[in-house]
Every structure is written in structure tokens, then in C-alpha cells.
Amino acid sequence: MAITVIRTLILYALVIIALRVMGKREIGQLQPFELVVILMISDLAVVPSESIGIPLLSGILPILVLLSASMTLAWITLKSEKARAIICGTPSILIRQGIIDEAELKKNCFNLTDLLEELRIKNVPNIADVEYAVLENNGNLSVFPKAQKRPTIPQDFNLTPPYEGLPLPLIMDGKLNSENLRQSNKDLSWLKSELKKHTIDNIEDVLIASLDSAGLLFAQAKHRK
């Protein structure tokens, strides 16, 4: 039993490392060859973890080979556009200038029901509002509404909104982030003073406190039973 647990933990750690090496992308963002590698790695890791009679190396070696193959293909696609088109494919334009391309729909096994469903997911319920719809290599649909149907932006009115940077979390679950406090050019006394304005006396009582680029502090106290 102990040997099985140890073997399983070793394979589990190896799979986690392999996925980290492949990058921080969700399943829906993976290229086809990356998805195949993940599925094969999962299957290869299961077999030696279930059977003690199979050498652990028999599971580790194929995983390392697949990881090497995946990294090699990723490097090739990074360096060559032609290779990327062959390995990953090219995006398909399903709607071009407001007209549905039936040939592209059939080529990608995409029916009208699928198309309308994807448009609704993108908050475009009316297909008449679509100028372009592009089926990306990872299966996601990119939708570009017609100019008169897209949301307005400040540039349409010649406006220049003030800069908005990323808020800095200063306190998370009652724990102070000293590095973020230093980056915000604020000190502890200022923070405590601002917390009192939110009727919070102690840092330990804060669920979250974050500072935006305008210097405004958002703070919420922990719920006390």
C-alpha cells in the first residue's frame, strides 16, 4: 500500500510539473497538439500508479518523451508561421462582412445552431448585428459586431479618461502585504487611519483591502458570527 501511494505521488508531481512547463493556459485555450499531449500524459500516469508490477520508469519515460515532443512543437510553431499553420491550423471566418460562409461552416462541422449558441454566449443575440465571426484554432469564436452595433467608447466622443492601473491588495484575509504597501508609497499609520474610516480597528479583522490608482481604499471586514 505504501509503495502504491509513493508511486502515485511521484507520478502526480511529474504530471503537475509537465503541465506547468507547458504553460499557464486553460483547456479551452490549448492548441490541438497540446490537448492531445495532456490526455496522453494523464493516461500514461494512471497505468503505473494502479499496477505495482509495472516499473515506475515505464510511466515516467513516456511522459518525459511526450513533454519533450510538445515543447519541440511549441518551439517550432513559435519560430515558423508555416509550421504553425500546418500543426495548429488557421482560423476560419464563419461570418464575413455580415454574410454567413456556409462552406466554412461545413468544413468545421459547425451548424447554425452552434453558431447562434456561440453568438449568444458572446452577448450577441442577433446574428444581423455581426460583421465578422472567426473560429479560432482553439475552438473559441471571436465576434466583431457591426460598427453601428458595437458599444461606444470614450474615443468616439474625443474623451480621454484618467489612467486606471491595477489595484494593489494591501490586506488579504487579515494578513498585511508589506511589499504592496511599500509600492503604494503609503505607510502603516495611513492604512490604519483609512481602516478606521471603514469602522475597522484591526488589520486581523479585514477580509480584503485594496488600493486603486486614484488612491481610494476599498475595505471589507470579516463576517463575525
Protein backbone atom coordinates (compact mmCIF):
# COMPACT_ATOMS: atom_id res chain seq x y z
CA MET A 1 0.00 0.00 0.00
CA ALA A 2 2.76 2.45 0.93
CA ILE A 3 4.57 1.73 -2.35
CA THR A 4 1.39 2.46 -4.32
CA VAL A 5 0.94 5.77 -2.51
CA ILE A 6 4.55 6.80 -3.12
CA ARG A 7 4.40 5.83 -6.82
CA THR A 8 1.16 7.75 -7.25
CA LEU A 9 2.57 10.86 -5.57
CA ILE A 10 5.69 10.73 -7.75
CA LEU A 11 3.62 10.47 -10.94
CA TYR A 12 1.25 13.16 -9.71
CA ALA A 13 4.16 15.54 -9.08
CA LEU A 14 5.60 14.73 -12.51
CA VAL A 15 2.29 15.47 -14.27
CA ILE A 16 1.95 18.78 -12.39
CA ILE A 17 5.49 19.76 -13.39
CA ALA A 18 4.78 18.79 -17.01
CA LEU A 19 1.64 20.95 -17.11
CA ARG A 20 3.49 23.88 -15.55
CA VAL A 21 6.26 23.57 -18.14
CA MET A 22 3.66 23.60 -20.93
CA GLY A 23 2.40 27.00 -19.74
CA LYS A 24 -0.47 28.67 -17.90
CA ARG A 25 -3.38 28.18 -20.26
CA GLU A 26 -6.88 26.88 -19.75
CA ILE A 27 -8.15 23.80 -21.57
CA GLY A 28 -10.19 25.94 -23.97
CA GLN A 29 -7.06 27.89 -24.94
CA LEU A 30 -4.89 24.88 -25.79
CA GLN A 31 -3.80 24.07 -29.30
CA PRO A 32 -4.89 20.61 -30.57
CA PHE A 33 -1.43 19.04 -30.14
CA GLU A 34 -1.22 20.38 -26.56
CA LEU A 35 -4.59 18.90 -25.67
CA VAL A 36 -3.54 15.52 -27.09
CA VAL A 37 -0.37 15.59 -25.00
CA ILE A 38 -2.31 16.34 -21.80
CA LEU A 39 -4.76 13.50 -22.43
CA MET A 40 -1.96 11.03 -23.18
CA ILE A 41 0.07 12.10 -20.15
CA SER A 42 -2.97 11.55 -17.93
CA ASP A 43 -3.48 8.03 -19.30
CA LEU A 44 0.19 7.14 -19.02
CA ALA A 45 0.32 8.28 -15.39
CA VAL A 46 -2.67 6.13 -14.39
CA VAL A 47 -1.28 2.76 -15.55
CA PRO A 48 1.88 2.51 -13.38
CA SER A 49 0.10 4.07 -10.39
CA GLU A 50 -2.52 1.29 -10.45
CA SER A 51 -0.17 -1.65 -11.02
CA ILE A 52 2.92 -2.19 -8.87
CA GLY A 53 4.12 -4.81 -11.37
CA ILE A 54 4.80 -2.14 -13.97
CA PRO A 55 8.15 -0.38 -13.41
CA LEU A 56 7.77 3.25 -12.43
CA LEU A 57 10.22 4.20 -15.16
CA SER A 58 7.79 2.78 -17.73
CA GLY A 59 5.38 5.54 -16.79
CA ILE A 60 7.89 8.34 -16.29
CA LEU A 61 9.82 7.87 -19.55
CA PRO A 62 6.82 8.18 -21.93
CA ILE A 63 5.64 11.27 -20.05
CA LEU A 64 9.06 12.90 -20.47
CA VAL A 65 9.09 11.93 -24.17
CA LEU A 66 5.65 13.49 -24.71
CA LEU A 67 6.68 16.61 -22.81
CA SER A 68 9.81 16.94 -24.95
CA ALA A 69 7.76 16.45 -28.13
CA SER A 70 5.25 19.08 -27.00
CA MET A 71 7.96 21.62 -26.16
CA THR A 72 9.67 20.95 -29.50
CA LEU A 73 6.43 21.51 -31.43
CA ALA A 74 5.74 24.66 -29.40
CA TRP A 75 9.22 25.99 -30.27
CA ILE A 76 8.74 25.16 -33.96
CA THR A 77 5.36 26.91 -34.09
CA LEU A 78 6.91 29.92 -32.35
CA LYS A 79 9.67 30.21 -34.95
CA SER A 80 7.78 29.33 -38.15
CA GLU A 81 4.41 30.65 -39.31
CA LYS A 82 4.16 27.92 -41.97
CA ALA A 83 4.79 25.21 -39.41
CA ARG A 84 2.23 26.79 -37.09
CA ALA A 85 -0.38 26.73 -39.86
CA ILE A 86 0.33 23.04 -40.52
CA ILE A 87 0.45 21.94 -36.87
CA CYS A 88 -2.22 24.18 -35.35
CA GLY A 89 -4.32 25.06 -38.39
CA THR A 90 -5.61 28.51 -39.31
CA PRO A 91 -8.62 30.48 -38.06
CA SER A 92 -11.83 30.12 -40.09
CA ILE A 93 -14.06 33.10 -40.92
CA LEU A 94 -17.63 31.90 -40.44
CA ILE A 95 -19.25 35.30 -40.99
CA ARG A 96 -17.61 37.74 -43.40
CA GLN A 97 -18.99 41.26 -43.80
CA GLY A 98 -22.31 40.15 -42.34
CA ILE A 99 -22.70 37.11 -44.62
CA ILE A 100 -22.53 33.53 -43.30
CA ASP A 101 -19.97 31.37 -45.11
CA GLU A 102 -21.76 28.03 -45.50
CA ALA A 103 -18.65 26.29 -46.87
CA GLU A 104 -16.64 27.20 -43.76
CA LEU A 105 -19.46 26.02 -41.51
CA LYS A 106 -19.46 22.59 -43.19
CA LYS A 107 -15.66 22.42 -43.23
CA ASN A 108 -15.55 22.93 -39.44
CA CYS A 109 -18.61 20.75 -38.69
CA PHE A 110 -20.32 23.87 -37.34
CA ASN A 111 -24.07 24.08 -37.78
CA LEU A 112 -26.29 27.14 -37.48
CA THR A 113 -27.49 26.09 -34.02
CA ASP A 114 -23.87 26.00 -32.80
CA LEU A 115 -23.21 29.39 -34.37
CA LEU A 116 -26.25 31.02 -32.77
CA GLU A 117 -25.37 29.49 -29.40
CA GLU A 118 -21.81 30.84 -29.56
CA LEU A 119 -23.11 34.29 -30.51
CA ARG A 120 -25.44 34.28 -27.50
CA ILE A 121 -22.51 33.33 -25.25
CA LYS A 122 -20.70 36.39 -26.63
CA ASN A 123 -23.75 38.54 -25.75
CA VAL A 124 -24.73 38.98 -29.39
CA PRO A 125 -28.28 37.58 -29.61
CA ASN A 126 -28.98 38.98 -33.09
CA ILE A 127 -26.89 37.49 -35.90
CA ALA A 128 -27.79 40.52 -38.03
CA ASP A 129 -25.54 42.63 -35.78
CA VAL A 130 -22.40 40.62 -36.64
CA GLU A 131 -19.84 41.90 -39.14
CA TYR A 132 -17.25 39.13 -38.65
CA ALA A 133 -17.18 35.88 -36.70
CA VAL A 134 -13.88 33.99 -36.60
CA LEU A 135 -13.50 30.43 -35.33
CA GLU A 136 -10.07 30.36 -33.70
CA ASN A 137 -7.71 27.37 -33.63
CA ASN A 138 -8.57 26.61 -30.00
CA GLY A 139 -12.30 26.41 -30.78
CA ASN A 140 -13.28 29.83 -29.41
CA LEU A 141 -15.43 32.11 -31.54
CA SER A 142 -14.29 35.74 -31.89
CA VAL A 143 -17.20 38.04 -32.71
CA PHE A 144 -16.93 41.54 -34.18
CA PRO A 145 -20.22 43.50 -34.23
CA LYS A 146 -21.08 45.96 -36.96
CA ALA A 147 -19.83 49.49 -36.32
CA GLN A 148 -23.29 50.84 -35.51
CA LYS A 149 -23.96 47.97 -33.10
CA ARG A 150 -20.77 47.91 -31.06
CA PRO A 151 -20.62 49.60 -27.62
CA THR A 152 -19.43 53.18 -27.64
CA ILE A 153 -16.01 54.05 -26.23
CA PRO A 154 -14.61 57.37 -24.93
CA GLN A 155 -12.65 57.84 -28.15
CA ASP A 156 -15.95 58.11 -30.05
CA PHE A 157 -16.61 61.34 -28.11
CA ASN A 158 -12.98 62.57 -28.18
CA LEU A 159 -12.68 61.95 -24.44
CA THR A 160 -9.54 60.91 -22.58
CA PRO A 161 -10.39 59.11 -19.34
CA PRO A 162 -7.89 59.24 -16.48
CA TYR A 163 -5.36 56.42 -16.20
CA GLU A 164 -6.51 53.35 -14.32
CA GLY A 165 -3.84 50.95 -13.11
CA LEU A 166 -4.17 47.65 -11.30
CA PRO A 167 -5.42 47.88 -7.70
CA LEU A 168 -2.93 46.73 -5.08
CA PRO A 169 -4.24 44.27 -2.49
CA LEU A 170 -2.87 45.54 0.82
CA ILE A 171 -4.64 43.10 3.16
CA MET A 172 -5.91 39.61 2.34
CA ASP A 173 -7.78 37.61 4.97
CA GLY A 174 -6.32 39.60 7.84
CA LYS A 175 -2.71 39.45 6.56
CA LEU A 176 -0.83 42.59 5.58
CA ASN A 177 1.09 42.63 2.29
CA SER A 178 4.05 44.81 3.24
CA GLU A 179 5.53 44.78 -0.28
CA ASN A 180 2.35 46.15 -1.86
CA LEU A 181 2.05 48.74 0.91
CA ARG A 182 5.60 49.89 0.11
CA GLN A 183 4.84 50.05 -3.64
CA SER A 184 1.80 52.22 -2.96
CA ASN A 185 4.01 54.78 -1.19
CA LYS A 186 1.81 54.53 1.90
CA ASP A 187 2.68 53.61 5.46
CA LEU A 188 1.04 51.54 8.17
CA SER A 189 -0.29 54.53 10.06
CA TRP A 190 -2.09 55.79 6.94
CA LEU A 191 -3.58 52.35 6.38
CA LYS A 192 -4.86 52.07 9.93
CA SER A 193 -6.34 55.54 9.67
CA GLU A 194 -8.18 54.62 6.47
CA LEU A 195 -9.44 51.40 8.00
CA LYS A 196 -10.98 53.35 10.89
CA LYS A 197 -13.00 55.28 8.30
CA HIS A 198 -14.48 51.90 7.36
CA THR A 199 -15.12 51.19 11.07
CA ILE A 200 -12.38 48.55 11.18
CA ASP A 201 -9.97 48.75 14.10
CA ASN A 202 -7.59 45.84 13.49
CA ILE A 203 -5.84 44.51 10.39
CA GLU A 204 -6.73 40.99 11.52
CA ASP A 205 -10.43 41.87 11.12
CA VAL A 206 -10.06 42.78 7.42
CA LEU A 207 -11.25 40.32 4.78
CA ILE A 208 -9.76 42.36 1.94
CA ALA A 209 -8.37 45.86 1.46
CA SER A 210 -7.13 47.11 -1.90
CA LEU A 211 -5.87 50.46 -3.11
CA ASP A 212 -6.70 51.71 -6.63
CA SER A 213 -4.64 54.03 -8.81
CA ALA A 214 -6.69 57.03 -7.67
CA GLY A 215 -5.62 56.44 -4.06
CA LEU A 216 -9.02 55.18 -2.88
CA LEU A 217 -9.05 52.29 -0.45
CA PHE A 218 -11.66 49.55 -0.68
CA ALA A 219 -12.00 47.58 2.55
CA GLN A 220 -14.36 44.91 3.81
CA ALA A 221 -14.38 43.44 7.29
CA LYS A 222 -14.61 39.76 8.01
CA HIS A 223 -18.03 38.44 8.89
CA ARG A 224 -18.31 37.74 12.59
CA LYS A 225 -20.88 35.29 13.88
